[in-house]
């Protein structure tokens, strides 16, 4: 199953194929990115899940280890990592194939029951 989405991609090094991705609500992200930091991050992101690829945008997305996050961001605390990705990443529209491992932000209703 795929769904349309907007993702924010952070590359620690412009020459690297390593990327970290967060799924966002495009309208809220745009307002947050333009300076409205009063918007709660729970309204900006689909979930606090961070995805990782070592093969750029064409690679499969997986979950980074705490050590990978510590090495790249200096922390593995989800709110700090997500904030860094939102601040320094680039927005990209795309599709996400569900692998059953996502943690939707249930407070926003994105975790509606679906037939699997």
PDB file of N, CA and C in Angstrom:
ATOM      1  N   UNK A   1       0.841  -1.178   0.000  1.00  0.00           N
ATOM      2  CA  UNK A   1       0.000   0.000   0.000  1.00  0.00           C
ATOM      3  C   UNK A   1       0.886   1.242   0.000  1.00  0.00           C
ATOM      4  N   UNK A   2       0.572   2.201  -0.832  1.00  0.00           N
ATOM      5  CA  UNK A   2       1.320   3.458  -0.855  1.00  0.00           C
ATOM      6  C   UNK A   2       0.364   4.602  -0.579  1.00  0.00           C
ATOM      7  N   UNK A   3       0.943   5.710  -0.108  1.00  0.00           N
ATOM      8  CA  UNK A   3       0.145   6.905   0.121  1.00  0.00           C
ATOM      9  C   UNK A   3       0.996   8.109  -0.218  1.00  0.00           C
ATOM     10  N   UNK A   4       0.343   9.179  -0.660  1.00  0.00           N
ATOM     11  CA  UNK A   4       1.062  10.406  -0.967  1.00  0.00           C
ATOM     12  C   UNK A   4       1.506  11.053   0.326  1.00  0.00           C
ATOM     13  N   UNK A   5       2.644  11.720   0.269  1.00  0.00           N
ATOM     14  CA  UNK A   5       3.173  12.328   1.470  1.00  0.00           C
ATOM     15  C   UNK A   5       4.148  13.429   1.109  1.00  0.00           C
ATOM     16  N   UNK A   6       4.517  14.160   2.117  1.00  0.00           N
ATOM     17  CA  UNK A   6       5.612  15.110   2.002  1.00  0.00           C
ATOM     18  C   UNK A   6       6.629  14.682   3.035  1.00  0.00           C
ATOM     19  N   UNK A   7       7.863  14.589   2.604  1.00  0.00           N
ATOM     20  CA  UNK A   7       8.913  14.188   3.527  1.00  0.00           C
ATOM     21  C   UNK A   7       9.978  15.269   3.571  1.00  0.00           C
ATOM     22  N   UNK A   8      10.672  15.311   4.670  1.00  0.00           N
ATOM     23  CA  UNK A   8      11.804  16.207   4.824  1.00  0.00           C
ATOM     24  C   UNK A   8      13.028  15.322   4.924  1.00  0.00           C
ATOM     25  N   UNK A   9      13.996  15.581   4.046  1.00  0.00           N
ATOM     26  CA  UNK A   9      15.187  14.751   3.949  1.00  0.00           C
ATOM     27  C   UNK A   9      16.392  15.547   4.419  1.00  0.00           C
ATOM     28  N   UNK A  10      17.167  14.927   5.281  1.00  0.00           N
ATOM     29  CA  UNK A  10      18.388  15.534   5.804  1.00  0.00           C
ATOM     30  C   UNK A  10      19.578  14.684   5.392  1.00  0.00           C
ATOM     31  N   UNK A  11      20.547  15.330   4.750  1.00  0.00           N
ATOM     32  CA  UNK A  11      21.796  14.666   4.388  1.00  0.00           C
ATOM     33  C   UNK A  11      22.904  15.256   5.254  1.00  0.00           C
ATOM     34  N   UNK A  12      23.575  14.407   6.067  1.00  0.00           N
ATOM     35  CA  UNK A  12      24.642  14.926   6.926  1.00  0.00           C
ATOM     36  C   UNK A  12      25.804  15.513   6.138  1.00  0.00           C
ATOM     37  N   UNK A  13      25.997  15.025   4.919  1.00  0.00           N
ATOM     38  CA  UNK A  13      27.105  15.468   4.082  1.00  0.00           C
ATOM     39  C   UNK A  13      26.597  15.531   2.642  1.00  0.00           C
ATOM     40  N   UNK A  14      26.819  16.639   1.975  1.00  0.00           N
ATOM     41  CA  UNK A  14      26.277  16.804   0.618  1.00  0.00           C
ATOM     42  C   UNK A  14      26.821  15.780  -0.372  1.00  0.00           C
ATOM     43  N   UNK A  15      27.956  15.188  -0.092  1.00  0.00           N
ATOM     44  CA  UNK A  15      28.546  14.191  -0.989  1.00  0.00           C
ATOM     45  C   UNK A  15      28.106  12.771  -0.652  1.00  0.00           C
ATOM     46  N   UNK A  16      27.458  12.598   0.471  1.00  0.00           N
ATOM     47  CA  UNK A  16      27.072  11.267   0.951  1.00  0.00           C
ATOM     48  C   UNK A  16      25.743  10.834   0.345  1.00  0.00           C
ATOM     49  N   UNK A  17      25.545   9.517   0.264  1.00  0.00           N
ATOM     50  CA  UNK A  17      24.241   8.992  -0.142  1.00  0.00           C
ATOM     51  C   UNK A  17      23.377   8.692   1.081  1.00  0.00           C
ATOM     52  N   UNK A  18      23.919   8.917   2.271  1.00  0.00           N
ATOM     53  CA  UNK A  18      23.175   8.684   3.505  1.00  0.00           C
ATOM     54  C   UNK A  18      22.134   9.788   3.694  1.00  0.00           C
ATOM     55  N   UNK A  19      20.901   9.382   4.005  1.00  0.00           N
ATOM     56  CA  UNK A  19      19.814  10.336   4.222  1.00  0.00           C
ATOM     57  C   UNK A  19      18.950   9.908   5.391  1.00  0.00           C
ATOM     58  N   UNK A  20      18.435  10.912   6.111  1.00  0.00           N
ATOM     59  CA  UNK A  20      17.471  10.698   7.187  1.00  0.00           C
ATOM     60  C   UNK A  20      16.187  11.401   6.778  1.00  0.00           C
ATOM     61  N   UNK A  21      15.046  10.753   7.011  1.00  0.00           N
ATOM     62  CA  UNK A  21      13.769  11.255   6.523  1.00  0.00           C
ATOM     63  C   UNK A  21      12.726  11.277   7.632  1.00  0.00           C
ATOM     64  N   UNK A  22      11.912  12.327   7.620  1.00  0.00           N
ATOM     65  CA  UNK A  22      10.756  12.466   8.509  1.00  0.00           C
ATOM     66  C   UNK A  22       9.558  12.812   7.628  1.00  0.00           C
ATOM     67  N   UNK A  23       8.413  12.214   7.918  1.00  0.00           N
ATOM     68  CA  UNK A  23       7.184  12.481   7.170  1.00  0.00           C
ATOM     69  C   UNK A  23       6.451  13.645   7.846  1.00  0.00           C
ATOM     70  N   UNK A  24       6.012  14.629   7.043  1.00  0.00           N
ATOM     71  CA  UNK A  24       5.396  15.833   7.602  1.00  0.00           C
ATOM     72  C   UNK A  24       4.049  16.154   6.970  1.00  0.00           C
ATOM     73  N   UNK A  25       3.288  16.982   7.688  1.00  0.00           N
ATOM     74  CA  UNK A  25       2.078  17.613   7.173  1.00  0.00           C
ATOM     75  C   UNK A  25       2.573  18.854   6.429  1.00  0.00           C
ATOM     76  N   UNK A  26       2.441  18.906   5.103  1.00  0.00           N
ATOM     77  CA  UNK A  26       3.073  19.988   4.340  1.00  0.00           C
ATOM     78  C   UNK A  26       2.636  21.397   4.732  1.00  0.00           C
ATOM     79  N   UNK A  27       1.361  21.599   5.014  1.00  0.00           N
ATOM     80  CA  UNK A  27       0.886  22.947   5.356  1.00  0.00           C
ATOM     81  C   UNK A  27       1.463  23.401   6.698  1.00  0.00           C
ATOM     82  N   UNK A  28       1.428  22.532   7.687  1.00  0.00           N
ATOM     83  CA  UNK A  28       1.944  22.887   9.009  1.00  0.00           C
ATOM     84  C   UNK A  28       3.464  23.028   8.978  1.00  0.00           C
ATOM     85  N   UNK A  29       4.136  22.165   8.215  1.00  0.00           N
ATOM     86  CA  UNK A  29       5.598  22.258   8.113  1.00  0.00           C
ATOM     87  C   UNK A  29       6.013  23.592   7.499  1.00  0.00           C
ATOM     88  N   UNK A  30       5.301  24.002   6.464  1.00  0.00           N
ATOM     89  CA  UNK A  30       5.634  25.266   5.799  1.00  0.00           C
ATOM     90  C   UNK A  30       5.528  26.435   6.783  1.00  0.00           C
ATOM     91  N   UNK A  31       4.453  26.448   7.583  1.00  0.00           N
ATOM     92  CA  UNK A  31       4.284  27.518   8.571  1.00  0.00           C
ATOM     93  C   UNK A  31       5.380  27.439   9.637  1.00  0.00           C
ATOM     94  N   UNK A  32       5.664  26.217  10.113  1.00  0.00           N
ATOM     95  CA  UNK A  32       6.684  26.019  11.150  1.00  0.00           C
ATOM     96  C   UNK A  32       8.055  26.446  10.630  1.00  0.00           C
ATOM     97  N   UNK A  33       8.364  26.036   9.405  1.00  0.00           N
ATOM     98  CA  UNK A  33       9.673  26.339   8.804  1.00  0.00           C
ATOM     99  C   UNK A  33       9.840  27.845   8.591  1.00  0.00           C
ATOM    100  N   UNK A  34       8.739  28.544   8.300  1.00  0.00           N
ATOM    101  CA  UNK A  34       8.825  29.987   8.059  1.00  0.00           C
ATOM    102  C   UNK A  34       8.886  30.792   9.353  1.00  0.00           C
ATOM    103  N   UNK A  35       8.926  30.096  10.494  1.00  0.00           N
ATOM    104  CA  UNK A  35       9.157  30.807  11.737  1.00  0.00           C
ATOM    105  C   UNK A  35       8.110  30.655  12.819  1.00  0.00           C
ATOM    106  N   UNK A  36       6.974  30.030  12.515  1.00  0.00           N
ATOM    107  CA  UNK A  36       5.928  29.880  13.523  1.00  0.00           C
ATOM    108  C   UNK A  36       6.213  28.658  14.398  1.00  0.00           C
ATOM    109  N   UNK A  37       7.130  28.825  15.352  1.00  0.00           N
ATOM    110  CA  UNK A  37       7.531  27.713  16.218  1.00  0.00           C
ATOM    111  C   UNK A  37       6.514  27.460  17.336  1.00  0.00           C
ATOM    112  N   UNK A  38       5.385  28.203  17.314  1.00  0.00           N
ATOM    113  CA  UNK A  38       4.329  27.940  18.283  1.00  0.00           C
ATOM    114  C   UNK A  38       3.521  26.703  17.885  1.00  0.00           C
ATOM    115  N   UNK A  39       3.659  26.265  16.636  1.00  0.00           N
ATOM    116  CA  UNK A  39       2.948  25.070  16.174  1.00  0.00           C
ATOM    117  C   UNK A  39       3.614  23.856  16.822  1.00  0.00           C
ATOM    118  N   UNK A  40       2.848  23.037  17.540  1.00  0.00           N
ATOM    119  CA  UNK A  40       3.438  21.854  18.169  1.00  0.00           C
ATOM    120  C   UNK A  40       3.977  20.892  17.103  1.00  0.00           C
ATOM    121  N   UNK A  41       5.106  20.272  17.395  1.00  0.00           N
ATOM    122  CA  UNK A  41       5.692  19.322  16.442  1.00  0.00           C
ATOM    123  C   UNK A  41       4.742  18.174  16.128  1.00  0.00           C
ATOM    124  N   UNK A  42       3.833  17.856  17.061  1.00  0.00           N
ATOM    125  CA  UNK A  42       2.865  16.790  16.794  1.00  0.00           C
ATOM    126  C   UNK A  42       1.925  17.151  15.652  1.00  0.00           C
ATOM    127  N   UNK A  43       1.786  18.453  15.366  1.00  0.00           N
ATOM    128  CA  UNK A  43       0.978  18.902  14.230  1.00  0.00           C
ATOM    129  C   UNK A  43       1.805  18.955  12.939  1.00  0.00           C
ATOM    130  N   UNK A  44       3.111  19.035  13.085  1.00  0.00           N
ATOM    131  CA  UNK A  44       4.006  19.175  11.931  1.00  0.00           C
ATOM    132  C   UNK A  44       4.374  17.820  11.350  1.00  0.00           C
ATOM    133  N   UNK A  45       4.685  16.861  12.209  1.00  0.00           N
ATOM    134  CA  UNK A  45       5.136  15.553  11.739  1.00  0.00           C
ATOM    135  C   UNK A  45       4.018  14.528  11.790  1.00  0.00           C
ATOM    136  N   UNK A  46       4.103  13.548  10.890  1.00  0.00           N
ATOM    137  CA  UNK A  46       3.153  12.444  10.872  1.00  0.00           C
ATOM    138  C   UNK A  46       3.405  11.539  12.072  1.00  0.00           C
ATOM    139  N   UNK A  47       4.678  11.352  12.402  1.00  0.00           N
ATOM    140  CA  UNK A  47       5.086  10.595  13.579  1.00  0.00           C
ATOM    141  C   UNK A  47       6.503  11.028  13.919  1.00  0.00           C
ATOM    142  N   UNK A  48       6.988  10.604  15.044  1.00  0.00           N
ATOM    143  CA  UNK A  48       8.359  10.930  15.419  1.00  0.00           C
ATOM    144  C   UNK A  48       9.322   9.853  14.928  1.00  0.00           C
ATOM    145  N   UNK A  49       8.880   9.053  13.974  1.00  0.00           N
ATOM    146  CA  UNK A  49       9.737   8.037  13.385  1.00  0.00           C
ATOM    147  C   UNK A  49      10.695   8.695  12.399  1.00  0.00           C
ATOM    148  N   UNK A  50      11.957   8.326  12.514  1.00  0.00           N
ATOM    149  CA  UNK A  50      12.982   8.788  11.594  1.00  0.00           C
ATOM    150  C   UNK A  50      13.361   7.594  10.738  1.00  0.00           C
ATOM    151  N   UNK A  51      13.442   7.812   9.439  1.00  0.00           N
ATOM    152  CA  UNK A  51      13.817   6.757   8.507  1.00  0.00           C
ATOM    153  C   UNK A  51      15.204   7.060   7.961  1.00  0.00           C
ATOM    154  N   UNK A  52      15.904   6.013   7.579  1.00  0.00           N
ATOM    155  CA  UNK A  52      17.297   6.145   7.162  1.00  0.00           C
ATOM    156  C   UNK A  52      17.531   5.341   5.894  1.00  0.00           C
ATOM    157  N   UNK A  53      18.330   5.899   5.011  1.00  0.00           N
ATOM    158  CA  UNK A  53      18.756   5.189   3.802  1.00  0.00           C
ATOM    159  C   UNK A  53      20.222   5.497   3.557  1.00  0.00           C
ATOM    160  N   UNK A  54      20.968   4.483   3.175  1.00  0.00           N
ATOM    161  CA  UNK A  54      22.367   4.695   2.808  1.00  0.00           C
ATOM    162  C   UNK A  54      22.525   4.749   1.289  1.00  0.00           C
ATOM    163  N   UNK A  55      21.405   4.672   0.585  1.00  0.00           N
ATOM    164  CA  UNK A  55      21.435   4.653  -0.871  1.00  0.00           C
ATOM    165  C   UNK A  55      20.704   5.838  -1.484  1.00  0.00           C
ATOM    166  N   UNK A  56      20.598   6.934  -0.742  1.00  0.00           N
ATOM    167  CA  UNK A  56      19.925   8.112  -1.267  1.00  0.00           C
ATOM    168  C   UNK A  56      18.432   7.904  -1.388  1.00  0.00           C
ATOM    169  N   UNK A  57      17.794   8.734  -2.196  1.00  0.00           N
ATOM    170  CA  UNK A  57      16.334   8.709  -2.302  1.00  0.00           C
ATOM    171  C   UNK A  57      15.806   7.461  -2.989  1.00  0.00           C
ATOM    172  N   UNK A  58      16.660   6.723  -3.678  1.00  0.00           N
ATOM    173  CA  UNK A  58      16.212   5.509  -4.345  1.00  0.00           C
ATOM    174  C   UNK A  58      16.313   4.277  -3.455  1.00  0.00           C
ATOM    175  N   UNK A  59      16.974   4.422  -2.308  1.00  0.00           N
ATOM    176  CA  UNK A  59      17.184   3.288  -1.418  1.00  0.00           C
ATOM    177  C   UNK A  59      15.976   2.992  -0.556  1.00  0.00           C
ATOM    178  N   UNK A  60      15.988   1.811   0.029  1.00  0.00           N
ATOM    179  CA  UNK A  60      14.939   1.424   0.961  1.00  0.00           C
ATOM    180  C   UNK A  60      15.123   2.173   2.270  1.00  0.00           C
ATOM    181  N   UNK A  61      14.003   2.586   2.843  1.00  0.00           N
ATOM    182  CA  UNK A  61      14.050   3.288   4.114  1.00  0.00           C
ATOM    183  C   UNK A  61      13.954   2.284   5.252  1.00  0.00           C
ATOM    184  N   UNK A  62      14.843   2.427   6.211  1.00  0.00           N
ATOM    185  CA  UNK A  62      14.817   1.590   7.398  1.00  0.00           C
ATOM    186  C   UNK A  62      14.900   2.473   8.625  1.00  0.00           C
ATOM    187  N   UNK A  63      14.914   1.847   9.787  1.00  0.00           N
ATOM    188  CA  UNK A  63      15.021   2.586  11.045  1.00  0.00           C
ATOM    189  C   UNK A  63      16.493   2.658  11.433  1.00  0.00           C
ATOM    190  N   UNK A  64      17.010   3.863  11.684  1.00  0.00           N
ATOM    191  CA  UNK A  64      18.404   3.981  12.106  1.00  0.00           C
ATOM    192  C   UNK A  64      18.573   3.492  13.546  1.00  0.00           C
ATOM    193  N   UNK A  65      19.770   3.020  13.847  1.00  0.00           N
ATOM    194  CA  UNK A  65      20.064   2.615  15.222  1.00  0.00           C
ATOM    195  C   UNK A  65      20.308   3.854  16.076  1.00  0.00           C
ATOM    196  N   UNK A  66      20.260   3.678  17.394  1.00  0.00           N
ATOM    197  CA  UNK A  66      20.551   4.791  18.300  1.00  0.00           C
ATOM    198  C   UNK A  66      21.975   5.284  18.067  1.00  0.00           C
ATOM    199  N   UNK A  67      22.892   4.354  17.771  1.00  0.00           N
ATOM    200  CA  UNK A  67      24.278   4.752  17.538  1.00  0.00           C
ATOM    201  C   UNK A  67      24.403   5.589  16.266  1.00  0.00           C
ATOM    202  N   UNK A  68      23.686   5.222  15.204  1.00  0.00           N
ATOM    203  CA  UNK A  68      23.716   6.025  13.970  1.00  0.00           C
ATOM    204  C   UNK A  68      23.212   7.438  14.258  1.00  0.00           C
ATOM    205  N   UNK A  69      22.120   7.548  15.021  1.00  0.00           N
ATOM    206  CA  UNK A  69      21.571   8.862  15.353  1.00  0.00           C
ATOM    207  C   UNK A  69      22.559   9.654  16.210  1.00  0.00           C
ATOM    208  N   UNK A  70      23.150   8.992  17.212  1.00  0.00           N
ATOM    209  CA  UNK A  70      24.142   9.658  18.060  1.00  0.00           C
ATOM    210  C   UNK A  70      25.318  10.169  17.231  1.00  0.00           C
ATOM    211  N   UNK A  71      25.794   9.344  16.301  1.00  0.00           N
ATOM    212  CA  UNK A  71      26.946   9.729  15.472  1.00  0.00           C
ATOM    213  C   UNK A  71      26.627  10.901  14.559  1.00  0.00           C
ATOM    214  N   UNK A  72      25.422  10.941  14.028  1.00  0.00           N
ATOM    215  CA  UNK A  72      25.042  11.986  13.076  1.00  0.00           C
ATOM    216  C   UNK A  72      24.550  13.258  13.763  1.00  0.00           C
ATOM    217  N   UNK A  73      23.711  13.101  14.790  1.00  0.00           N
ATOM    218  CA  UNK A  73      23.033  14.250  15.398  1.00  0.00           C
ATOM    219  C   UNK A  73      23.544  14.601  16.798  1.00  0.00           C
ATOM    220  N   UNK A  74      24.399  13.748  17.358  1.00  0.00           N
ATOM    221  CA  UNK A  74      24.896  13.990  18.704  1.00  0.00           C
ATOM    222  C   UNK A  74      23.907  13.578  19.777  1.00  0.00           C
ATOM    223  N   UNK A  75      22.795  12.985  19.382  1.00  0.00           N
ATOM    224  CA  UNK A  75      21.759  12.511  20.297  1.00  0.00           C
ATOM    225  C   UNK A  75      20.902  11.490  19.566  1.00  0.00           C
ATOM    226  N   UNK A  76      20.194  10.676  20.333  1.00  0.00           N
ATOM    227  CA  UNK A  76      19.199   9.792  19.718  1.00  0.00           C
ATOM    228  C   UNK A  76      17.796  10.124  20.247  1.00  0.00           C
ATOM    229  N   UNK A  77      17.685  11.230  20.994  1.00  0.00           N
ATOM    230  CA  UNK A  77      16.383  11.673  21.509  1.00  0.00           C
ATOM    231  C   UNK A  77      15.524  12.119  20.330  1.00  0.00           C
ATOM    232  N   UNK A  78      14.385  11.462  20.144  1.00  0.00           N
ATOM    233  CA  UNK A  78      13.583  11.661  18.934  1.00  0.00           C
ATOM    234  C   UNK A  78      13.216  13.110  18.659  1.00  0.00           C
ATOM    235  N   UNK A  79      12.819  13.875  19.674  1.00  0.00           N
ATOM    236  CA  UNK A  79      12.403  15.264  19.429  1.00  0.00           C
ATOM    237  C   UNK A  79      13.575  16.109  18.929  1.00  0.00           C
ATOM    238  N   UNK A  80      14.776  15.866  19.455  1.00  0.00           N
ATOM    239  CA  UNK A  80      15.953  16.625  19.019  1.00  0.00           C
ATOM    240  C   UNK A  80      16.351  16.259  17.595  1.00  0.00           C
ATOM    241  N   UNK A  81      16.317  14.963  17.280  1.00  0.00           N
ATOM    242  CA  UNK A  81      16.669  14.506  15.931  1.00  0.00           C
ATOM    243  C   UNK A  81      15.659  15.033  14.920  1.00  0.00           C
ATOM    244  N   UNK A  82      14.366  14.910  15.229  1.00  0.00           N
ATOM    245  CA  UNK A  82      13.316  15.374  14.312  1.00  0.00           C
ATOM    246  C   UNK A  82      13.425  16.885  14.100  1.00  0.00           C
ATOM    247  N   UNK A  83      13.666  17.636  15.160  1.00  0.00           N
ATOM    248  CA  UNK A  83      13.801  19.093  15.032  1.00  0.00           C
ATOM    249  C   UNK A  83      14.960  19.449  14.120  1.00  0.00           C
ATOM    250  N   UNK A  84      16.097  18.790  14.265  1.00  0.00           N
ATOM    251  CA  UNK A  84      17.271  19.048  13.417  1.00  0.00           C
ATOM    252  C   UNK A  84      16.950  18.741  11.947  1.00  0.00           C
ATOM    253  N   UNK A  85      16.271  17.626  11.707  1.00  0.00           N
ATOM    254  CA  UNK A  85      15.900  17.266  10.328  1.00  0.00           C
ATOM    255  C   UNK A  85      14.953  18.310   9.751  1.00  0.00           C
ATOM    256  N   UNK A  86      13.966  18.742  10.538  1.00  0.00           N
ATOM    257  CA  UNK A  86      13.006  19.751  10.056  1.00  0.00           C
ATOM    258  C   UNK A  86      13.688  21.080   9.770  1.00  0.00           C
ATOM    259  N   UNK A  87      14.640  21.470  10.617  1.00  0.00           N
ATOM    260  CA  UNK A  87      15.311  22.759  10.442  1.00  0.00           C
ATOM    261  C   UNK A  87      16.279  22.757   9.258  1.00  0.00           C
ATOM    262  N   UNK A  88      17.023  21.686   9.087  1.00  0.00           N
ATOM    263  CA  UNK A  88      18.114  21.673   8.108  1.00  0.00           C
ATOM    264  C   UNK A  88      17.866  20.794   6.887  1.00  0.00           C
ATOM    265  N   UNK A  89      16.730  20.105   6.859  1.00  0.00           N
ATOM    266  CA  UNK A  89      16.439  19.221   5.735  1.00  0.00           C
ATOM    267  C   UNK A  89      15.750  19.949   4.597  1.00  0.00           C
ATOM    268  N   UNK A  90      15.531  19.216   3.520  1.00  0.00           N
ATOM    269  CA  UNK A  90      14.823  19.774   2.362  1.00  0.00           C
ATOM    270  C   UNK A  90      13.517  19.007   2.163  1.00  0.00           C
ATOM    271  N   UNK A  91      12.494  19.743   1.799  1.00  0.00           N
ATOM    272  CA  UNK A  91      11.169  19.163   1.592  1.00  0.00           C
ATOM    273  C   UNK A  91      11.107  18.466   0.240  1.00  0.00           C
ATOM    274  N   UNK A  92      10.436  17.313   0.216  1.00  0.00           N
ATOM    275  CA  UNK A  92      10.273  16.572  -1.035  1.00  0.00           C
ATOM    276  C   UNK A  92       8.944  15.832  -1.000  1.00  0.00           C
ATOM    277  N   UNK A  93       8.187  15.932  -2.085  1.00  0.00           N
ATOM    278  CA  UNK A  93       6.931  15.190  -2.182  1.00  0.00           C
ATOM    279  C   UNK A  93       7.256  13.798  -2.699  1.00  0.00           C
ATOM    280  N   UNK A  94       6.438  12.829  -2.313  1.00  0.00           N
ATOM    281  CA  UNK A  94       6.687  11.469  -2.757  1.00  0.00           C
ATOM    282  C   UNK A  94       5.607  10.536  -2.295  1.00  0.00           C
ATOM    283  N   UNK A  95       5.932   9.254  -2.296  1.00  0.00           N
ATOM    284  CA  UNK A  95       5.022   8.224  -1.822  1.00  0.00           C
ATOM    285  C   UNK A  95       5.769   7.340  -0.859  1.00  0.00           C
ATOM    286  N   UNK A  96       5.036   6.788   0.075  1.00  0.00           N
ATOM    287  CA  UNK A  96       5.621   5.896   1.058  1.00  0.00           C
ATOM    288  C   UNK A  96       4.914   4.569   0.955  1.00  0.00           C
ATOM    289  N   UNK A  97       5.678   3.522   0.757  1.00  0.00           N
ATOM    290  CA  UNK A  97       5.109   2.179   0.764  1.00  0.00           C
ATOM    291  C   UNK A  97       5.093   1.708   2.203  1.00  0.00           C
ATOM    292  N   UNK A  98       3.933   1.340   2.689  1.00  0.00           N
ATOM    293  CA  UNK A  98       3.816   0.906   4.072  1.00  0.00           C
ATOM    294  C   UNK A  98       4.465  -0.447   4.253  1.00  0.00           C
ATOM    295  N   UNK A  99       5.318  -0.539   5.276  1.00  0.00           N
ATOM    296  CA  UNK A  99       5.966  -1.808   5.575  1.00  0.00           C
ATOM    297  C   UNK A  99       5.463  -2.381   6.882  1.00  0.00           C
ATOM    298  N   UNK A 100       4.464  -1.734   7.479  1.00  0.00           N
ATOM    299  CA  UNK A 100       3.916  -2.214   8.736  1.00  0.00           C
ATOM    300  C   UNK A 100       4.702  -1.769   9.959  1.00  0.00           C
ATOM    301  N   UNK A 101       5.781  -1.016   9.772  1.00  0.00           N
ATOM    302  CA  UNK A 101       6.614  -0.611  10.891  1.00  0.00           C
ATOM    303  C   UNK A 101       6.467   0.854  11.248  1.00  0.00           C
ATOM    304  N   UNK A 102       5.570   1.572  10.604  1.00  0.00           N
ATOM    305  CA  UNK A 102       5.429   2.989  10.903  1.00  0.00           C
ATOM    306  C   UNK A 102       4.657   3.169  12.198  1.00  0.00           C
ATOM    307  N   UNK A 103       4.924   4.264  12.881  1.00  0.00           N
ATOM    308  CA  UNK A 103       4.227   4.615  14.110  1.00  0.00           C
ATOM    309  C   UNK A 103       3.458   5.898  13.849  1.00  0.00           C
ATOM    310  N   UNK A 104       2.223   5.802  13.355  1.00  0.00           N
ATOM    311  CA  UNK A 104       1.485   7.018  13.035  1.00  0.00           C
ATOM    312  C   UNK A 104       1.201   7.845  14.270  1.00  0.00           C
ATOM    313  N   UNK A 105       1.031   9.117  14.052  1.00  0.00           N
ATOM    314  CA  UNK A 105       0.701  10.043  15.129  1.00  0.00           C
ATOM    315  C   UNK A 105      -0.790   9.892  15.405  1.00  0.00           C
ATOM    316  N   UNK A 106      -1.124   9.024  16.343  1.00  0.00           N
ATOM    317  CA  UNK A 106      -2.526   8.715  16.611  1.00  0.00           C
ATOM    318  C   UNK A 106      -3.301   9.913  17.131  1.00  0.00           C
ATOM    319  N   UNK A 107      -2.604  10.889  17.712  1.00  0.00           N
ATOM    320  CA  UNK A 107      -3.304  12.071  18.215  1.00  0.00           C
ATOM    321  C   UNK A 107      -3.905  12.890  17.083  1.00  0.00           C
ATOM    322  N   UNK A 108      -3.406  12.697  15.872  1.00  0.00           N
ATOM    323  CA  UNK A 108      -3.944  13.425  14.724  1.00  0.00           C
ATOM    324  C   UNK A 108      -4.870  12.560  13.888  1.00  0.00           C
ATOM    325  N   UNK A 109      -5.071  11.316  14.294  1.00  0.00           N
ATOM    326  CA  UNK A 109      -6.002  10.458  13.564  1.00  0.00           C
ATOM    327  C   UNK A 109      -5.413   9.803  12.343  1.00  0.00           C
ATOM    328  N   UNK A 110      -4.080   9.841  12.163  1.00  0.00           N
ATOM    329  CA  UNK A 110      -3.481   9.249  10.974  1.00  0.00           C
ATOM    330  C   UNK A 110      -3.349   7.744  11.111  1.00  0.00           C
ATOM    331  N   UNK A 111      -3.742   7.198  12.235  1.00  0.00           N
ATOM    332  CA  UNK A 111      -3.620   5.765  12.437  1.00  0.00           C
ATOM    333  C   UNK A 111      -4.954   5.052  12.283  1.00  0.00           C
ATOM    334  N   UNK A 112      -5.812   5.566  11.415  1.00  0.00           N
ATOM    335  CA  UNK A 112      -7.119   4.954  11.202  1.00  0.00           C
ATOM    336  C   UNK A 112      -6.956   3.507  10.791  1.00  0.00           C
ATOM    337  N   UNK A 113      -7.828   2.680  11.270  1.00  0.00           N
ATOM    338  CA  UNK A 113      -7.744   1.254  10.961  1.00  0.00           C
ATOM    339  C   UNK A 113      -7.914   1.042   9.461  1.00  0.00           C
ATOM    340  N   UNK A 114      -7.030   0.239   8.930  1.00  0.00           N
ATOM    341  CA  UNK A 114      -7.082  -0.081   7.505  1.00  0.00           C
ATOM    342  C   UNK A 114      -7.126  -1.583   7.366  1.00  0.00           C
ATOM    343  N   UNK A 115      -7.747  -2.063   6.339  1.00  0.00           N
ATOM    344  CA  UNK A 115      -7.754  -3.499   6.092  1.00  0.00           C
ATOM    345  C   UNK A 115      -6.409  -3.974   5.609  1.00  0.00           C
ATOM    346  N   UNK A 116      -5.813  -4.918   6.322  1.00  0.00           N
ATOM    347  CA  UNK A 116      -4.509  -5.455   5.909  1.00  0.00           C
ATOM    348  C   UNK A 116      -4.670  -6.891   5.507  1.00  0.00           C
TER     349      UNK A 116
END
